[in-house]
Protein backbone atom coordinates (compact mmCIF):
# COMPACT_ATOMS: atom_id res chain seq x y z
CA MET A 1 -5.98 -2.04 -44.54
CA SER A 2 -5.73 -5.75 -45.25
CA ALA A 3 -3.88 -8.28 -43.14
CA ASP A 4 -1.39 -8.67 -45.99
CA GLU A 5 -0.72 -4.92 -46.08
CA ALA A 6 -0.25 -4.84 -42.29
CA ASP A 7 2.25 -7.71 -42.49
CA GLU A 8 4.05 -6.00 -45.37
CA ILE A 9 4.33 -2.75 -43.42
CA ARG A 10 5.62 -4.50 -40.33
CA GLY A 11 8.21 -6.35 -42.40
CA THR A 12 9.46 -3.30 -44.26
CA THR A 13 12.62 -1.51 -43.20
CA HIS A 14 12.05 2.21 -42.65
CA GLY A 15 15.61 3.37 -42.19
CA THR A 16 16.36 3.27 -38.49
CA ALA A 17 12.89 4.50 -37.47
CA PRO A 18 11.24 2.26 -34.85
CA ALA A 19 8.03 2.14 -36.93
CA PRO A 20 6.80 3.42 -40.30
CA LEU A 21 6.56 7.22 -40.42
CA SER A 22 3.57 8.96 -41.98
CA VAL A 23 2.16 12.49 -42.30
CA LEU A 24 -0.95 14.26 -41.01
CA ASP A 25 -1.69 17.57 -42.76
CA LEU A 26 -4.10 20.24 -41.51
CA VAL A 27 -3.18 22.56 -44.42
CA THR A 28 -2.15 25.29 -41.97
CA VAL A 29 -2.67 28.91 -43.04
CA GLY A 30 -0.25 31.26 -41.29
CA ALA A 31 -0.85 34.97 -40.69
CA GLY A 32 0.27 36.87 -43.79
CA SER A 33 -0.35 33.95 -46.14
CA THR A 34 -3.35 32.51 -47.99
CA ALA A 35 -5.15 29.21 -48.38
CA THR A 36 -3.58 28.99 -51.85
CA ASP A 37 -0.14 29.19 -50.24
CA ALA A 38 -1.10 26.47 -47.75
CA LEU A 39 -2.39 24.13 -50.44
CA ARG A 40 0.76 24.62 -52.50
CA THR A 41 2.75 23.69 -49.42
CA SER A 42 0.66 20.52 -49.10
CA VAL A 43 1.50 19.51 -52.66
CA ALA A 44 5.20 20.15 -52.03
CA LEU A 45 5.05 18.28 -48.73
CA SER A 46 3.29 15.25 -50.22
CA ARG A 47 5.91 15.03 -52.96
CA LEU A 48 8.77 15.49 -50.51
CA THR A 49 7.56 12.87 -48.04
CA GLU A 50 6.78 10.43 -50.86
CA SER A 51 10.35 10.77 -52.12
CA ARG A 52 11.74 10.30 -48.61
CA GLY A 53 9.91 7.06 -47.91
CA PHE A 54 7.07 8.17 -45.60
CA HIS A 55 4.30 5.59 -45.74
CA ARG A 56 1.03 7.54 -45.92
CA TYR A 57 -0.25 11.11 -46.10
CA TRP A 58 -3.55 11.97 -44.45
CA VAL A 59 -5.60 15.17 -44.51
CA ALA A 60 -7.79 16.22 -41.58
CA GLU A 61 -11.34 17.60 -41.69
CA HIS A 62 -11.94 20.87 -39.83
CA HIS A 63 -14.52 23.61 -40.32
CA SER A 64 -14.85 27.33 -39.60
CA MET A 65 -11.19 27.66 -38.56
CA PRO A 66 -9.35 30.45 -40.45
CA GLY A 67 -5.96 28.86 -39.81
CA VAL A 68 -6.92 25.44 -41.22
CA ALA A 69 -7.76 25.02 -44.92
CA SER A 70 -8.70 21.33 -44.78
CA SER A 71 -12.49 21.56 -44.74
CA SER A 72 -12.83 19.27 -47.80
CA PRO A 73 -10.47 16.28 -47.49
CA ALA A 74 -11.73 14.47 -50.60
CA VAL A 75 -11.08 17.54 -52.79
CA ILE A 76 -7.58 17.99 -51.40
CA LEU A 77 -6.78 14.28 -51.73
CA ALA A 78 -7.80 14.31 -55.39
CA HIS A 79 -5.37 17.20 -55.94
CA LEU A 80 -2.57 15.39 -54.10
CA ALA A 81 -3.24 12.18 -56.03
CA ALA A 82 -2.55 14.08 -59.25
CA HIS A 83 0.85 15.17 -57.92
CA THR A 84 2.09 11.90 -56.36
CA ASP A 85 2.65 8.35 -57.54
CA ARG A 86 3.21 5.95 -54.64
CA ILE A 87 2.47 7.34 -51.18
CA ARG A 88 -0.84 6.28 -49.64
CA LEU A 89 -3.36 9.10 -49.34
CA GLY A 90 -6.27 9.31 -46.94
CA SER A 91 -8.49 11.16 -44.54
CA GLY A 92 -7.38 11.71 -41.00
CA GLY A 93 -10.23 11.83 -40.94
CA VAL A 94 -13.65 12.33 -42.42
CA MET A 95 -16.04 13.23 -39.61
CA LEU A 96 -18.78 10.79 -40.59
CA PRO A 97 -21.68 12.37 -38.64
CA ASN A 98 -21.25 15.49 -40.80
CA HIS A 99 -22.02 13.57 -43.99
CA ALA A 100 -24.38 11.07 -45.58
CA PRO A 101 -22.61 7.68 -45.77
CA LEU A 102 -23.52 7.30 -49.45
CA VAL A 103 -21.75 10.58 -50.28
CA ILE A 104 -18.56 9.44 -48.54
CA ALA A 105 -18.70 6.07 -50.31
CA GLU A 106 -19.01 7.86 -53.66
CA GLN A 107 -16.22 10.34 -52.90
CA PHE A 108 -13.75 7.70 -51.78
CA GLY A 109 -14.78 5.30 -54.53
CA THR A 110 -13.88 8.11 -56.94
CA LEU A 111 -10.54 8.66 -55.21
CA GLU A 112 -9.82 4.94 -55.40
CA ALA A 113 -10.53 5.04 -59.14
CA MET A 114 -8.09 7.95 -59.46
CA ALA A 115 -5.32 6.36 -57.40
CA PRO A 116 -5.96 2.59 -57.23
CA GLY A 117 -4.61 0.89 -54.15
CA ARG A 118 -3.45 4.14 -52.51
CA ILE A 119 -6.53 5.45 -50.69
CA ASP A 120 -7.36 5.15 -46.97
CA LEU A 121 -10.70 6.15 -45.44
CA GLY A 122 -10.13 7.30 -41.87
CA LEU A 123 -13.34 8.07 -39.97
CA GLY A 124 -14.09 10.03 -36.82
CA ARG A 125 -17.26 10.83 -34.94
CA ALA A 126 -16.37 14.30 -33.59
CA PRO A 127 -17.66 17.36 -35.49
CA GLY A 128 -14.23 18.80 -36.24
CA THR A 129 -15.57 22.23 -35.26
CA ASP A 130 -17.80 24.08 -32.80
CA GLY A 131 -21.40 23.16 -32.04
CA ALA A 132 -23.04 25.85 -34.16
CA THR A 133 -21.00 24.93 -37.24
CA ALA A 134 -21.70 21.24 -36.67
CA ALA A 135 -25.41 22.00 -36.57
CA ALA A 136 -25.12 23.87 -39.88
CA LEU A 137 -23.26 20.92 -41.42
CA ARG A 138 -25.68 18.30 -40.12
CA ARG A 139 -28.88 20.33 -40.54
CA THR A 140 -29.91 19.44 -36.99
CA ASP A 141 -30.16 21.26 -33.68
CA THR A 142 -28.81 18.28 -31.75
CA LEU A 143 -25.03 18.03 -31.83
CA ASN A 144 -24.90 14.52 -30.33
CA GLU A 145 -27.41 13.07 -32.76
CA GLY A 146 -24.80 12.09 -35.34
CA ALA A 147 -22.16 10.98 -32.82
CA ASP A 148 -24.60 8.69 -31.01
CA ASP A 149 -25.52 7.05 -34.33
CA PHE A 150 -21.90 6.56 -35.38
CA PRO A 151 -21.86 2.71 -35.28
CA GLU A 152 -24.99 2.57 -37.45
CA GLN A 153 -23.58 5.17 -39.86
CA LEU A 154 -20.34 3.20 -40.07
CA ALA A 155 -22.17 -0.04 -40.85
CA GLU A 156 -24.18 1.71 -43.57
CA LEU A 157 -21.05 3.20 -45.12
CA VAL A 158 -19.27 -0.16 -45.21
CA ARG A 159 -22.29 -1.75 -46.91
CA PHE A 160 -22.23 0.98 -49.56
CA LEU A 161 -18.48 0.45 -50.07
CA ASP A 162 -18.98 -3.32 -50.42
CA ASP A 163 -22.34 -3.05 -52.24
CA ASP A 164 -23.83 -5.77 -50.03
CA PHE A 165 -27.12 -4.55 -48.58
CA PRO A 166 -29.29 -7.64 -48.04
CA ASP A 167 -32.40 -8.42 -50.05
CA GLY A 168 -35.38 -6.49 -48.75
CA HIS A 169 -33.27 -3.59 -47.40
CA PRO A 170 -34.57 -0.22 -48.64
CA TYR A 171 -31.08 0.60 -49.97
CA ARG A 172 -30.59 -2.72 -51.80
CA ARG A 173 -31.02 -1.10 -55.21
CA ILE A 174 -28.80 1.90 -54.42
CA HIS A 175 -25.15 1.66 -55.44
CA ALA A 176 -22.13 3.82 -54.62
CA ILE A 177 -20.40 4.51 -57.91
CA PRO A 178 -17.53 4.07 -58.64
CA GLY A 179 -17.92 0.77 -56.82
CA PRO A 180 -18.34 -3.02 -56.95
CA VAL A 181 -21.69 -2.94 -58.81
CA GLN A 182 -19.85 -1.95 -61.97
CA ALA A 183 -18.31 -5.41 -62.10
CA THR A 184 -21.75 -6.95 -62.63
CA ALA A 185 -22.56 -4.69 -65.59
CA PRO A 186 -22.04 -6.17 -69.10
CA GLY A 187 -18.29 -6.21 -69.70
CA GLY A 188 -17.61 -4.94 -66.19
CA VAL A 189 -14.42 -5.75 -64.29
CA GLN A 190 -14.15 -5.81 -60.49
CA SER A 191 -11.62 -3.37 -59.09
CA PRO A 192 -9.07 -5.26 -56.98
CA HIS A 193 -9.22 -2.59 -54.28
CA ARG A 194 -11.63 -0.70 -52.12
CA PRO A 195 -10.53 1.98 -49.62
CA PRO A 196 -9.68 0.36 -46.28
CA VAL A 197 -11.59 1.83 -43.35
CA TRP A 198 -9.78 3.13 -40.26
CA LEU A 199 -11.37 4.38 -37.06
CA LEU A 200 -9.95 7.53 -35.47
CA GLY A 201 -10.35 8.58 -31.89
CA SER A 202 -9.12 10.54 -28.89
CA SER A 203 -10.87 8.47 -26.20
CA GLY A 204 -11.97 4.92 -25.51
CA PHE A 205 -15.16 4.86 -27.63
CA SER A 206 -13.54 4.45 -31.05
CA ALA A 207 -10.75 2.31 -29.56
CA ARG A 208 -13.27 -0.22 -28.32
CA LEU A 209 -15.35 -0.11 -31.51
CA ALA A 210 -12.27 -0.55 -33.73
CA GLY A 211 -11.17 -3.50 -31.61
CA MET A 212 -14.56 -5.19 -31.67
CA LEU A 213 -14.81 -4.76 -35.46
CA GLY A 214 -11.21 -5.81 -36.13
CA LEU A 215 -10.34 -2.52 -37.84
CA PRO A 216 -7.08 -0.54 -37.78
CA PHE A 217 -7.11 2.28 -35.24
CA ALA A 218 -5.57 5.77 -35.28
CA PHE A 219 -5.29 7.64 -31.99
CA ALA A 220 -4.92 11.42 -31.71
CA HIS A 221 -2.00 11.52 -29.29
CA HIS A 222 -1.16 15.03 -30.55
CA PHE A 223 -4.11 16.54 -28.70
CA SER A 224 -5.12 13.85 -26.21
CA ALA A 225 -1.79 12.54 -24.91
CA GLN A 226 -3.13 11.59 -21.48
CA ASN A 227 -5.53 9.09 -23.07
CA THR A 228 -3.07 7.44 -25.46
CA ILE A 229 -1.92 4.40 -23.52
CA PRO A 230 -5.37 3.62 -21.99
CA ALA A 231 -6.98 3.84 -25.44
CA LEU A 232 -4.35 1.64 -27.10
CA ASP A 233 -4.62 -0.90 -24.28
CA LEU A 234 -8.40 -0.95 -24.68
CA TYR A 235 -8.09 -1.40 -28.46
CA ARG A 236 -5.71 -4.32 -28.08
CA GLN A 237 -7.75 -5.94 -25.31
CA THR A 238 -11.02 -5.81 -27.24
CA PHE A 239 -9.55 -6.68 -30.65
CA ARG A 240 -11.24 -9.49 -32.52
CA PRO A 241 -9.61 -10.89 -35.69
CA SER A 242 -11.61 -10.05 -38.79
CA ALA A 243 -11.53 -10.37 -42.55
CA VAL A 244 -9.59 -7.11 -42.43
CA LEU A 245 -6.93 -7.77 -39.80
CA ASP A 246 -5.55 -10.83 -38.02
CA GLU A 247 -4.11 -8.78 -35.17
CA PRO A 248 -4.33 -5.17 -33.92
CA TYR A 249 -2.74 -2.36 -35.90
CA ALA A 250 -2.58 1.07 -34.28
CA LEU A 251 -0.97 4.31 -35.35
CA ILE A 252 -0.72 7.46 -33.27
CA GLY A 253 -0.73 11.06 -34.41
CA VAL A 254 2.27 12.93 -32.99
CA SER A 255 2.98 16.65 -33.02
CA ALA A 256 6.65 16.83 -34.00
CA LEU A 257 8.75 19.75 -35.18
CA ALA A 258 12.44 19.56 -36.03
CA THR A 259 14.49 22.66 -36.80
CA ASP A 260 18.17 23.37 -37.40
CA ASP A 261 18.24 25.33 -34.16
CA ALA A 262 16.63 24.14 -30.91
CA ARG A 263 15.68 27.68 -29.90
CA GLU A 264 13.67 28.13 -33.09
CA ALA A 265 11.79 24.91 -32.35
CA ARG A 266 10.84 26.26 -28.92
CA ARG A 267 9.67 29.55 -30.47
CA GLN A 268 7.55 27.77 -33.05
CA SER A 269 6.08 25.44 -30.42
CA ARG A 270 4.87 28.37 -28.31
CA ALA A 271 3.15 29.77 -31.40
CA VAL A 272 1.49 26.37 -31.90
CA ALA A 273 0.30 26.46 -28.29
CA LEU A 274 -1.01 30.04 -28.67
CA ASN A 275 -2.99 28.94 -31.71
CA MET A 276 -4.53 26.09 -29.71
CA LEU A 277 -5.23 28.38 -26.76
CA ARG A 278 -7.22 30.69 -29.01
CA LEU A 279 -9.08 27.76 -30.51
CA ARG A 280 -9.94 26.32 -27.10
CA THR A 281 -11.25 29.70 -25.92
CA GLY A 282 -13.46 30.26 -28.97
CA ARG A 283 -11.15 32.71 -30.77
CA PRO A 284 -9.78 30.80 -33.77
CA GLY A 285 -7.69 32.78 -36.25
CA LEU A 286 -4.84 32.48 -38.69
CA PHE A 287 -1.84 30.57 -37.38
CA PRO A 288 0.27 33.10 -35.39
CA ASP A 289 3.96 33.65 -35.99
CA PRO A 290 6.50 33.24 -33.16
CA GLU A 291 6.97 36.99 -32.80
CA GLU A 292 3.28 37.36 -31.97
CA ALA A 293 3.56 34.60 -29.38
CA GLU A 294 6.62 36.28 -27.83
CA LYS A 295 4.78 39.58 -27.50
CA HIS A 296 1.62 38.04 -26.08
CA GLU A 297 1.05 38.70 -22.38
CA PHE A 298 -0.14 35.40 -20.96
CA SER A 299 -2.10 35.17 -17.73
CA PRO A 300 -0.85 32.57 -15.22
CA MET A 301 -3.61 30.19 -16.32
CA GLU A 302 -2.76 30.71 -20.00
CA GLU A 303 0.94 30.18 -19.32
CA GLU A 304 0.09 26.91 -17.60
CA PHE A 305 -1.82 25.82 -20.74
CA ILE A 306 1.09 26.86 -22.99
CA THR A 307 3.57 24.89 -20.89
CA SER A 308 1.35 21.83 -20.86
CA TRP A 309 0.68 21.95 -24.59
CA THR A 310 4.31 22.42 -25.65
CA ALA A 311 5.30 19.49 -23.42
CA ASN A 312 3.34 17.21 -25.78
CA ILE A 313 5.13 18.51 -28.89
CA VAL A 314 8.25 16.54 -29.76
CA HIS A 315 10.43 19.46 -30.78
CA GLY A 316 14.05 20.49 -31.07
CA THR A 317 16.92 19.53 -33.32
CA ALA A 318 16.66 16.46 -35.52
CA ASP A 319 18.49 14.34 -32.93
CA GLU A 320 16.23 15.60 -30.13
CA VAL A 321 13.10 14.82 -32.14
CA ARG A 322 14.42 11.40 -33.04
CA SER A 323 15.07 10.66 -29.37
CA GLY A 324 11.57 11.88 -28.42
CA LEU A 325 9.89 9.77 -31.10
CA ASP A 326 11.91 6.70 -30.13
CA ASP A 327 10.85 7.13 -26.52
CA LEU A 328 7.20 7.63 -27.47
CA HIS A 329 7.25 4.49 -29.58
CA LYS A 330 8.81 2.53 -26.75
CA ARG A 331 6.09 3.70 -24.33
CA THR A 332 3.13 3.09 -26.63
CA GLY A 333 4.18 0.22 -28.90
CA ALA A 334 2.44 1.98 -31.80
CA ASP A 335 2.68 0.20 -35.15
CA GLU A 336 3.05 3.51 -36.99
CA LEU A 337 3.88 7.13 -36.13
CA MET A 338 1.94 9.81 -38.03
CA LEU A 339 3.67 13.15 -37.68
CA VAL A 340 2.00 16.54 -37.82
CA SER A 341 4.51 19.40 -37.99
CA HIS A 342 2.88 22.72 -37.19
CA ALA A 343 4.76 25.88 -38.09
CA HIS A 344 3.82 29.37 -39.22
CA ARG A 345 5.68 29.09 -42.54
CA GLY A 346 5.42 26.30 -45.05
CA GLU A 347 9.16 26.07 -45.60
CA LEU A 348 9.66 25.29 -41.90
CA ARG A 349 7.20 22.41 -42.15
CA LEU A 350 9.01 21.03 -45.18
CA ARG A 351 12.35 21.39 -43.44
CA SER A 352 11.05 19.58 -40.36
CA TYR A 353 10.14 16.45 -42.33
CA GLU A 354 13.47 16.57 -44.17
CA LEU A 355 15.39 16.72 -40.91
CA ILE A 356 13.41 13.86 -39.40
CA ALA A 357 13.92 11.77 -42.54
CA ASP A 358 17.66 12.47 -42.38
CA ALA A 359 17.79 11.59 -38.69
CA TYR A 360 16.34 8.15 -39.43
CA GLY A 361 18.29 7.54 -42.63
CA LEU A 362 15.20 7.42 -44.82
CA PRO A 363 15.84 7.31 -48.58
CA THR A 364 17.08 10.51 -50.15
CA ALA A 365 15.04 12.06 -52.94
């Protein structure tokens, strides 16, 4: 994100929403459906939210989770780019320690060539999975090895994106292509864009690093709500103006589900919480339907988790969700709200974004 883009976003009217609204997609696979169904829903959702004036559409990276089909963000983003025209597309995010920086620079340089000026590169340092799967991805027995090296990996990635390794560096003659080096070839033309880098986080580490580097910051409020305000405060306190941004720019991911009936929103939210309970206890599966959640016999400790988790989901009718989002924005001062609507069926997810768009008077299709 450039300073000009940040100013443009802040100066744009987004209906009556208190901040720009965006989308985070985990490509949820519900019980009784397939990954193909989930990916078709993602295409439909990207087109719907583009037509309704949502600002950006990000895809998460997760691995070895049957209920999440977003293990390859770059592949999915290429597919979405072919089905949309204007909405920004990006990773929310690529878990950088799982990958070689050069590979990510090449993937997102390719995406930028496909959809010029529409690609964001959001980066995280968590594995996006369990320890054994992370070890398989990273080809190492030490899970923390990649996370501890994150600042160095980030610096290397940015140098590949900008093609500016200094003379004498062992990578000086290596170029991420598509990329800036093509402008120096005979007849070459410099692309006016390169994917802006965002840092993602659920604690203070990435908040501080994003602030010190003057980068835009995305915080995972949807699964780390207790850390949201401290992390945003830390980001703003440590922010240093850079060539990228003149002042801080922070978005927060928010779990939000609007339905035509408040009871249905509560039912769906308990299914969301059951899915997370299974994930947290090492039993990931396909996304359960509400009937399964209603039949489940929760222990007192599990019921406490369910109650706590659903409390962080902004759910209900469109008016109730609007009120909850307005309150959250007031408490956090976030520059952008990125909504993730979990539901067992794709049509419920689509309906949720429609209802929220209607509640804020966003443009009709």
